[in-house]
Structure formats: C-alpha cells, structure tokens
Amino acid sequence: MVSLSTGSHTEMDQELAEVKTVKSAERALEILEVLGEARGAMTVVELHRRTGYPRSSLHQLLQTLVAKKWVEQTNDGNAVRIGFRALLAGTTYLDRDEALPHAVRALERVRSETGYTSHYARLEDDSVLYLATRESLDP
C-alpha cells in the first residue's frame, strides 16, 4: 500500500526511495520499455544484451508476457515485440484524460486557422507526452 504524505519534497523523495519493489515486476516493466522503444522486433539475444538479465529469468519473463499478450513473438518465433495489451493500456490512459476532448477541438481549430500541424502534449517528469496531433492538411 502506498501512503501519500503532505510533507516536504525532501521527505516525499526519501519515502519514495524507501519503497520496496518487486524485482520480477521491475524486470517485466523494463522489458516492455525496451521493446516499446525499439523500432521493430528484437531477438532474445538483443534483449538479453540490453537488459543484462540472466537468460533463464528473461526466458520465463518473456513466456509470461507472451501468455498475457503484452509481448508477441514474430511469425518465425525468432524475435519478440510489444504486444497489443500495451496499446490497450495506452488508450485507457487517453480515455481518462478529461482535457483531451477539449484539446482535440482546439487542435482542429488551430490547424484550420493557421494551416499548421498542432499538438497537445503534457510534461511528465522529464518527458513530453504527445497525446494528440492534428496534421496540416497541406504538405
């Protein structure tokens, strides 16, 4: 159970640093992150090189992720890539964004008035998340 604190940032940072994590969950999430950043499918050897996880652990984690549809194997079975469950989780994130419908209308208005591509993004830690884009109608 995660507790929320009204203390200072230093206190909250310290509390977060003390949170106990589950190694297999961390590893599964890192596999998803690595596959999500890849331009295409990755062989297990490449994934092993990127993560450094023992081959037996990596194999078991991949079997679980494949069984749960978070990762899928290529047709030849020689590589893996991100699965459709990641898309479902991502669209759920978008579905709960109460500002998105308003932003989409604004993006369409900006595109219409300026002719330029417009984006709706959010700053999340040190990353910019692009949540919606309306491409220019002219090249």
N, C-alpha and C. Protein backbone atom coordinates (compact mmCIF):
# COMPACT_ATOMS: atom_id res chain seq x y z
N MET A 1 0.83 -1.17 0.00
CA MET A 1 0.00 0.00 0.00
C MET A 1 0.88 1.24 0.00
N VAL A 2 0.58 2.18 -0.86
CA VAL A 2 1.35 3.41 -0.95
C VAL A 2 0.64 4.47 -0.14
N SER A 3 1.38 5.15 0.72
CA SER A 3 0.77 6.21 1.51
C SER A 3 1.17 7.55 0.92
N LEU A 4 0.27 8.50 0.98
CA LEU A 4 0.54 9.83 0.50
C LEU A 4 0.91 10.70 1.68
N SER A 5 1.84 11.58 1.48
CA SER A 5 2.32 12.44 2.55
C SER A 5 2.11 13.89 2.18
N THR A 6 1.90 14.72 3.17
CA THR A 6 1.81 16.16 2.94
C THR A 6 3.10 16.84 3.35
N GLY A 7 4.16 16.05 3.51
CA GLY A 7 5.44 16.59 3.93
C GLY A 7 6.15 17.30 2.80
N SER A 8 7.38 17.74 3.06
CA SER A 8 8.17 18.45 2.07
C SER A 8 8.61 17.50 0.96
N HIS A 9 9.11 18.10 -0.14
CA HIS A 9 9.59 17.28 -1.25
C HIS A 9 10.72 16.36 -0.81
N THR A 10 11.58 16.84 0.06
CA THR A 10 12.69 16.02 0.55
C THR A 10 12.17 14.80 1.29
N GLU A 11 11.17 15.01 2.14
CA GLU A 11 10.58 13.89 2.88
C GLU A 11 9.91 12.91 1.93
N MET A 12 9.17 13.44 0.94
CA MET A 12 8.49 12.56 -0.01
C MET A 12 9.49 11.79 -0.87
N ASP A 13 10.57 12.47 -1.29
CA ASP A 13 11.60 11.78 -2.08
C ASP A 13 12.23 10.66 -1.28
N GLN A 14 12.46 10.90 0.00
CA GLN A 14 13.04 9.88 0.87
C GLN A 14 12.08 8.71 1.02
N GLU A 15 10.77 9.01 1.20
CA GLU A 15 9.78 7.94 1.33
C GLU A 15 9.73 7.09 0.06
N LEU A 16 9.77 7.74 -1.11
CA LEU A 16 9.74 7.00 -2.37
C LEU A 16 10.98 6.13 -2.52
N ALA A 17 12.12 6.63 -2.07
CA ALA A 17 13.35 5.86 -2.17
C ALA A 17 13.30 4.62 -1.29
N GLU A 18 12.48 4.66 -0.24
CA GLU A 18 12.38 3.54 0.69
C GLU A 18 11.32 2.52 0.28
N VAL A 19 10.59 2.78 -0.79
CA VAL A 19 9.55 1.86 -1.23
C VAL A 19 10.20 0.55 -1.67
N LYS A 20 9.65 -0.54 -1.17
CA LYS A 20 10.14 -1.85 -1.57
C LYS A 20 9.52 -2.21 -2.91
N THR A 21 10.34 -2.67 -3.82
CA THR A 21 9.84 -3.06 -5.14
C THR A 21 10.02 -4.55 -5.35
N VAL A 22 9.30 -5.08 -6.31
CA VAL A 22 9.37 -6.49 -6.65
C VAL A 22 10.26 -6.61 -7.89
N LYS A 23 11.35 -7.35 -7.74
CA LYS A 23 12.34 -7.43 -8.81
C LYS A 23 11.74 -7.95 -10.12
N SER A 24 10.92 -8.98 -10.07
CA SER A 24 10.37 -9.53 -11.30
C SER A 24 9.43 -8.53 -11.98
N ALA A 25 8.69 -7.74 -11.19
CA ALA A 25 7.82 -6.72 -11.78
C ALA A 25 8.66 -5.63 -12.43
N GLU A 26 9.72 -5.21 -11.76
CA GLU A 26 10.63 -4.21 -12.35
C GLU A 26 11.21 -4.71 -13.66
N ARG A 27 11.61 -5.96 -13.67
CA ARG A 27 12.20 -6.53 -14.88
C ARG A 27 11.19 -6.63 -16.01
N ALA A 28 9.98 -7.07 -15.70
CA ALA A 28 8.94 -7.17 -16.73
C ALA A 28 8.65 -5.80 -17.32
N LEU A 29 8.58 -4.78 -16.47
CA LEU A 29 8.31 -3.43 -16.96
C LEU A 29 9.47 -2.91 -17.80
N GLU A 30 10.70 -3.22 -17.40
CA GLU A 30 11.85 -2.78 -18.20
C GLU A 30 11.84 -3.46 -19.57
N ILE A 31 11.48 -4.73 -19.62
CA ILE A 31 11.38 -5.42 -20.91
C ILE A 31 10.37 -4.70 -21.79
N LEU A 32 9.22 -4.35 -21.24
CA LEU A 32 8.20 -3.62 -22.01
C LEU A 32 8.73 -2.27 -22.48
N GLU A 33 9.46 -1.58 -21.63
CA GLU A 33 10.02 -0.28 -22.01
C GLU A 33 11.04 -0.43 -23.14
N VAL A 34 11.91 -1.42 -23.03
CA VAL A 34 12.92 -1.64 -24.07
C VAL A 34 12.24 -2.00 -25.40
N LEU A 35 11.27 -2.90 -25.35
CA LEU A 35 10.56 -3.28 -26.57
C LEU A 35 9.75 -2.11 -27.12
N GLY A 36 9.20 -1.29 -26.24
CA GLY A 36 8.44 -0.13 -26.68
C GLY A 36 9.29 0.91 -27.37
N GLU A 37 10.55 1.01 -26.99
CA GLU A 37 11.46 1.97 -27.62
C GLU A 37 12.08 1.43 -28.92
N ALA A 38 12.02 0.12 -29.11
CA ALA A 38 12.65 -0.50 -30.29
C ALA A 38 11.85 -0.15 -31.55
N ARG A 39 12.54 -0.06 -32.65
CA ARG A 39 11.89 0.25 -33.93
C ARG A 39 11.17 -0.95 -34.51
N GLY A 40 11.51 -2.11 -34.05
CA GLY A 40 10.88 -3.34 -34.54
C GLY A 40 11.08 -4.44 -33.53
N ALA A 41 10.94 -5.67 -34.01
CA ALA A 41 11.12 -6.82 -33.13
C ALA A 41 12.58 -6.95 -32.72
N MET A 42 12.80 -7.55 -31.56
CA MET A 42 14.15 -7.79 -31.05
C MET A 42 14.32 -9.27 -30.77
N THR A 43 15.51 -9.78 -31.06
CA THR A 43 15.79 -11.16 -30.69
C THR A 43 15.99 -11.21 -29.18
N VAL A 44 15.86 -12.40 -28.63
CA VAL A 44 16.06 -12.57 -27.20
C VAL A 44 17.51 -12.24 -26.85
N VAL A 45 18.43 -12.55 -27.76
CA VAL A 45 19.85 -12.23 -27.53
C VAL A 45 20.03 -10.71 -27.41
N GLU A 46 19.39 -9.94 -28.29
CA GLU A 46 19.46 -8.48 -28.21
C GLU A 46 18.85 -7.97 -26.91
N LEU A 47 17.71 -8.53 -26.54
CA LEU A 47 17.03 -8.14 -25.32
C LEU A 47 17.90 -8.47 -24.10
N HIS A 48 18.56 -9.61 -24.14
CA HIS A 48 19.47 -10.01 -23.06
C HIS A 48 20.62 -9.00 -22.96
N ARG A 49 21.17 -8.60 -24.11
CA ARG A 49 22.27 -7.63 -24.10
C ARG A 49 21.80 -6.29 -23.53
N ARG A 50 20.61 -5.85 -23.89
CA ARG A 50 20.09 -4.56 -23.44
C ARG A 50 19.75 -4.55 -21.96
N THR A 51 19.22 -5.65 -21.45
CA THR A 51 18.77 -5.68 -20.05
C THR A 51 19.81 -6.26 -19.10
N GLY A 52 20.62 -7.18 -19.58
CA GLY A 52 21.59 -7.85 -18.72
C GLY A 52 20.98 -8.91 -17.82
N TYR A 53 19.71 -9.23 -18.02
CA TYR A 53 19.05 -10.22 -17.19
C TYR A 53 19.56 -11.61 -17.52
N PRO A 54 19.64 -12.49 -16.52
CA PRO A 54 20.03 -13.88 -16.80
C PRO A 54 19.08 -14.48 -17.84
N ARG A 55 19.62 -15.29 -18.73
CA ARG A 55 18.81 -15.85 -19.83
C ARG A 55 17.61 -16.64 -19.32
N SER A 56 17.80 -17.40 -18.25
CA SER A 56 16.68 -18.20 -17.74
C SER A 56 15.57 -17.31 -17.21
N SER A 57 15.92 -16.26 -16.47
CA SER A 57 14.92 -15.32 -15.97
C SER A 57 14.23 -14.58 -17.11
N LEU A 58 15.03 -14.14 -18.09
CA LEU A 58 14.48 -13.43 -19.24
C LEU A 58 13.50 -14.32 -19.99
N HIS A 59 13.87 -15.57 -20.18
CA HIS A 59 13.00 -16.51 -20.89
C HIS A 59 11.67 -16.68 -20.15
N GLN A 60 11.71 -16.85 -18.84
CA GLN A 60 10.48 -17.03 -18.06
C GLN A 60 9.62 -15.77 -18.08
N LEU A 61 10.26 -14.60 -17.96
CA LEU A 61 9.51 -13.35 -18.02
C LEU A 61 8.85 -13.19 -19.39
N LEU A 62 9.58 -13.50 -20.45
CA LEU A 62 9.01 -13.39 -21.79
C LEU A 62 7.85 -14.35 -21.99
N GLN A 63 7.98 -15.58 -21.48
CA GLN A 63 6.87 -16.54 -21.58
C GLN A 63 5.62 -15.98 -20.92
N THR A 64 5.78 -15.37 -19.76
CA THR A 64 4.64 -14.79 -19.05
C THR A 64 4.06 -13.63 -19.83
N LEU A 65 4.92 -12.73 -20.32
CA LEU A 65 4.44 -11.56 -21.07
C LEU A 65 3.78 -11.96 -22.38
N VAL A 66 4.27 -13.00 -23.02
CA VAL A 66 3.64 -13.50 -24.25
C VAL A 66 2.28 -14.11 -23.91
N ALA A 67 2.22 -14.91 -22.86
CA ALA A 67 0.97 -15.55 -22.47
C ALA A 67 -0.11 -14.51 -22.14
N LYS A 68 0.31 -13.38 -21.56
CA LYS A 68 -0.62 -12.32 -21.18
C LYS A 68 -0.83 -11.29 -22.29
N LYS A 69 -0.21 -11.52 -23.46
CA LYS A 69 -0.37 -10.68 -24.66
C LYS A 69 0.26 -9.29 -24.56
N TRP A 70 1.17 -9.08 -23.60
CA TRP A 70 1.90 -7.82 -23.52
C TRP A 70 3.07 -7.82 -24.50
N VAL A 71 3.52 -9.01 -24.85
CA VAL A 71 4.61 -9.19 -25.82
C VAL A 71 4.14 -10.25 -26.80
N GLU A 72 4.54 -10.10 -28.06
CA GLU A 72 4.21 -11.13 -29.05
C GLU A 72 5.47 -11.55 -29.77
N GLN A 73 5.45 -12.81 -30.21
CA GLN A 73 6.58 -13.34 -30.98
C GLN A 73 6.35 -13.08 -32.46
N THR A 74 7.44 -12.93 -33.19
CA THR A 74 7.32 -12.81 -34.64
C THR A 74 6.85 -14.15 -35.19
N ASN A 75 6.38 -14.15 -36.44
CA ASN A 75 5.86 -15.38 -37.05
C ASN A 75 6.88 -16.52 -37.05
N ASP A 76 8.15 -16.17 -37.24
CA ASP A 76 9.18 -17.21 -37.26
C ASP A 76 9.62 -17.62 -35.86
N GLY A 77 9.15 -16.91 -34.82
CA GLY A 77 9.47 -17.25 -33.44
C GLY A 77 10.86 -16.84 -33.00
N ASN A 78 11.59 -16.09 -33.86
CA ASN A 78 12.97 -15.73 -33.54
C ASN A 78 13.12 -14.40 -32.81
N ALA A 79 12.04 -13.64 -32.69
CA ALA A 79 12.13 -12.33 -32.06
C ALA A 79 10.81 -12.00 -31.38
N VAL A 80 10.85 -10.96 -30.56
CA VAL A 80 9.65 -10.51 -29.85
C VAL A 80 9.48 -9.01 -30.06
N ARG A 81 8.25 -8.57 -29.88
CA ARG A 81 7.94 -7.14 -29.98
C ARG A 81 6.80 -6.84 -29.02
N ILE A 82 6.56 -5.57 -28.82
CA ILE A 82 5.50 -5.14 -27.91
C ILE A 82 4.16 -5.69 -28.40
N GLY A 83 3.30 -6.10 -27.48
CA GLY A 83 2.02 -6.71 -27.83
C GLY A 83 0.86 -5.73 -27.74
N PHE A 84 -0.32 -6.21 -28.09
CA PHE A 84 -1.49 -5.34 -28.18
C PHE A 84 -1.98 -4.85 -26.81
N ARG A 85 -1.66 -5.56 -25.74
CA ARG A 85 -2.10 -5.12 -24.41
C ARG A 85 -1.49 -3.75 -24.06
N ALA A 86 -0.30 -3.48 -24.58
CA ALA A 86 0.32 -2.17 -24.34
C ALA A 86 -0.52 -1.06 -24.97
N LEU A 87 -1.06 -1.33 -26.14
CA LEU A 87 -1.93 -0.36 -26.80
C LEU A 87 -3.19 -0.14 -25.97
N LEU A 88 -3.77 -1.22 -25.46
CA LEU A 88 -4.97 -1.09 -24.65
C LEU A 88 -4.70 -0.26 -23.40
N ALA A 89 -3.56 -0.47 -22.77
CA ALA A 89 -3.21 0.31 -21.58
C ALA A 89 -3.02 1.77 -21.96
N GLY A 90 -2.38 2.02 -23.09
CA GLY A 90 -2.17 3.39 -23.55
C GLY A 90 -3.46 4.11 -23.88
N THR A 91 -4.38 3.42 -24.52
CA THR A 91 -5.65 4.07 -24.86
C THR A 91 -6.48 4.30 -23.60
N THR A 92 -6.34 3.46 -22.60
CA THR A 92 -7.02 3.69 -21.33
C THR A 92 -6.51 4.97 -20.69
N TYR A 93 -5.22 5.21 -20.79
CA TYR A 93 -4.63 6.45 -20.28
C TYR A 93 -5.27 7.64 -20.99
N LEU A 94 -5.39 7.55 -22.31
CA LEU A 94 -6.00 8.64 -23.07
C LEU A 94 -7.47 8.81 -22.73
N ASP A 95 -8.17 7.70 -22.56
CA ASP A 95 -9.61 7.75 -22.27
C ASP A 95 -9.91 8.46 -20.95
N ARG A 96 -9.00 8.40 -20.01
CA ARG A 96 -9.26 9.04 -18.71
C ARG A 96 -8.82 10.50 -18.66
N ASP A 97 -8.21 10.99 -19.73
CA ASP A 97 -7.76 12.38 -19.78
C ASP A 97 -8.96 13.28 -20.10
N GLU A 98 -9.45 13.96 -19.07
CA GLU A 98 -10.64 14.78 -19.23
C GLU A 98 -10.42 15.99 -20.14
N ALA A 99 -9.18 16.41 -20.30
CA ALA A 99 -8.88 17.58 -21.13
C ALA A 99 -8.79 17.23 -22.61
N LEU A 100 -8.59 15.96 -22.92
CA LEU A 100 -8.34 15.57 -24.32
C LEU A 100 -9.45 15.97 -25.29
N PRO A 101 -10.73 15.73 -25.01
CA PRO A 101 -11.76 16.14 -25.97
C PRO A 101 -11.73 17.64 -26.26
N HIS A 102 -11.47 18.45 -25.23
CA HIS A 102 -11.38 19.90 -25.41
C HIS A 102 -10.13 20.24 -26.23
N ALA A 103 -9.04 19.55 -25.93
CA ALA A 103 -7.80 19.81 -26.65
C ALA A 103 -7.92 19.46 -28.12
N VAL A 104 -8.60 18.38 -28.43
CA VAL A 104 -8.77 17.96 -29.82
C VAL A 104 -9.54 19.03 -30.60
N ARG A 105 -10.60 19.55 -30.00
CA ARG A 105 -11.35 20.62 -30.67
C ARG A 105 -10.47 21.84 -30.90
N ALA A 106 -9.67 22.19 -29.90
CA ALA A 106 -8.76 23.33 -30.03
C ALA A 106 -7.69 23.06 -31.09
N LEU A 107 -7.17 21.84 -31.14
CA LEU A 107 -6.17 21.49 -32.15
C LEU A 107 -6.74 21.63 -33.55
N GLU A 108 -7.96 21.18 -33.73
CA GLU A 108 -8.59 21.28 -35.04
C GLU A 108 -8.82 22.74 -35.42
N ARG A 109 -9.19 23.56 -34.45
CA ARG A 109 -9.39 24.98 -34.71
C ARG A 109 -8.07 25.66 -35.07
N VAL A 110 -7.01 25.35 -34.32
CA VAL A 110 -5.69 25.93 -34.60
C VAL A 110 -5.21 25.50 -35.98
N ARG A 111 -5.36 24.22 -36.31
CA ARG A 111 -4.95 23.74 -37.64
C ARG A 111 -5.74 24.45 -38.73
N SER A 112 -7.02 24.59 -38.53
CA SER A 112 -7.88 25.24 -39.52
C SER A 112 -7.50 26.70 -39.72
N GLU A 113 -7.22 27.41 -38.63
CA GLU A 113 -6.91 28.84 -38.70
C GLU A 113 -5.50 29.13 -39.19
N THR A 114 -4.55 28.24 -38.88
CA THR A 114 -3.15 28.52 -39.23
C THR A 114 -2.64 27.69 -40.40
N GLY A 115 -3.25 26.54 -40.62
CA GLY A 115 -2.76 25.62 -41.64
C GLY A 115 -1.60 24.77 -41.16
N TYR A 116 -1.19 24.92 -39.91
CA TYR A 116 -0.05 24.18 -39.38
C TYR A 116 -0.51 22.96 -38.57
N THR A 117 0.40 21.99 -38.47
CA THR A 117 0.18 20.85 -37.60
C THR A 117 0.16 21.35 -36.16
N SER A 118 -0.75 20.81 -35.35
CA SER A 118 -0.83 21.22 -33.96
C SER A 118 -0.78 19.97 -33.06
N HIS A 119 -0.23 20.16 -31.87
CA HIS A 119 -0.04 19.05 -30.94
C HIS A 119 -0.60 19.41 -29.57
N TYR A 120 -1.09 18.40 -28.87
CA TYR A 120 -1.46 18.51 -27.46
C TYR A 120 -0.49 17.60 -26.72
N ALA A 121 0.27 18.18 -25.78
CA ALA A 121 1.28 17.42 -25.06
C ALA A 121 1.22 17.77 -23.58
N ARG A 122 1.80 16.88 -22.80
CA ARG A 122 1.87 17.08 -21.35
C ARG A 122 3.28 16.76 -20.90
N LEU A 123 3.79 17.57 -19.98
CA LEU A 123 5.09 17.32 -19.39
C LEU A 123 4.90 16.33 -18.25
N GLU A 124 5.61 15.23 -18.31
CA GLU A 124 5.54 14.18 -17.28
C GLU A 124 6.97 13.88 -16.85
N ASP A 125 7.34 14.34 -15.66
CA ASP A 125 8.72 14.26 -15.19
C ASP A 125 9.61 14.98 -16.19
N ASP A 126 10.55 14.28 -16.82
CA ASP A 126 11.42 14.94 -17.79
C ASP A 126 11.07 14.56 -19.23
N SER A 127 9.86 14.06 -19.43
CA SER A 127 9.42 13.64 -20.77
C SER A 127 8.22 14.46 -21.21
N VAL A 128 8.15 14.68 -22.52
CA VAL A 128 6.98 15.33 -23.12
C VAL A 128 6.16 14.23 -23.76
N LEU A 129 4.90 14.09 -23.32
CA LEU A 129 3.99 13.08 -23.86
C LEU A 129 3.07 13.75 -24.86
N TYR A 130 3.17 13.37 -26.13
CA TYR A 130 2.26 13.88 -27.14
C TYR A 130 1.01 13.02 -27.12
N LEU A 131 -0.11 13.62 -26.75
CA LEU A 131 -1.34 12.88 -26.57
C LEU A 131 -2.29 13.00 -27.75
N ALA A 132 -2.13 14.03 -28.56
CA ALA A 132 -2.97 14.20 -29.75
C ALA A 132 -2.25 15.10 -30.74
N THR A 133 -2.44 14.82 -32.00
CA THR A 133 -1.87 15.61 -33.08
C THR A 133 -2.90 15.77 -34.18
N ARG A 134 -2.93 16.94 -34.75
CA ARG A 134 -3.74 17.18 -35.94
C ARG A 134 -2.79 17.68 -37.01
N GLU A 135 -2.57 16.83 -38.02
CA GLU A 135 -1.62 17.15 -39.08
C GLU A 135 -2.16 18.24 -39.99
N SER A 136 -1.25 19.00 -40.55
CA SER A 136 -1.60 20.01 -41.54
C SER A 136 -2.27 19.32 -42.73
N LEU A 137 -3.25 19.99 -43.31
CA LEU A 137 -3.93 19.43 -44.46
C LEU A 137 -3.13 19.64 -45.75
N ASP A 138 -2.20 20.59 -45.72
CA ASP A 138 -1.35 20.87 -46.88
C ASP A 138 0.06 20.37 -46.61
N PRO A 139 0.74 19.89 -47.66
CA PRO A 139 2.12 19.42 -47.45
C PRO A 139 3.06 20.58 -47.12
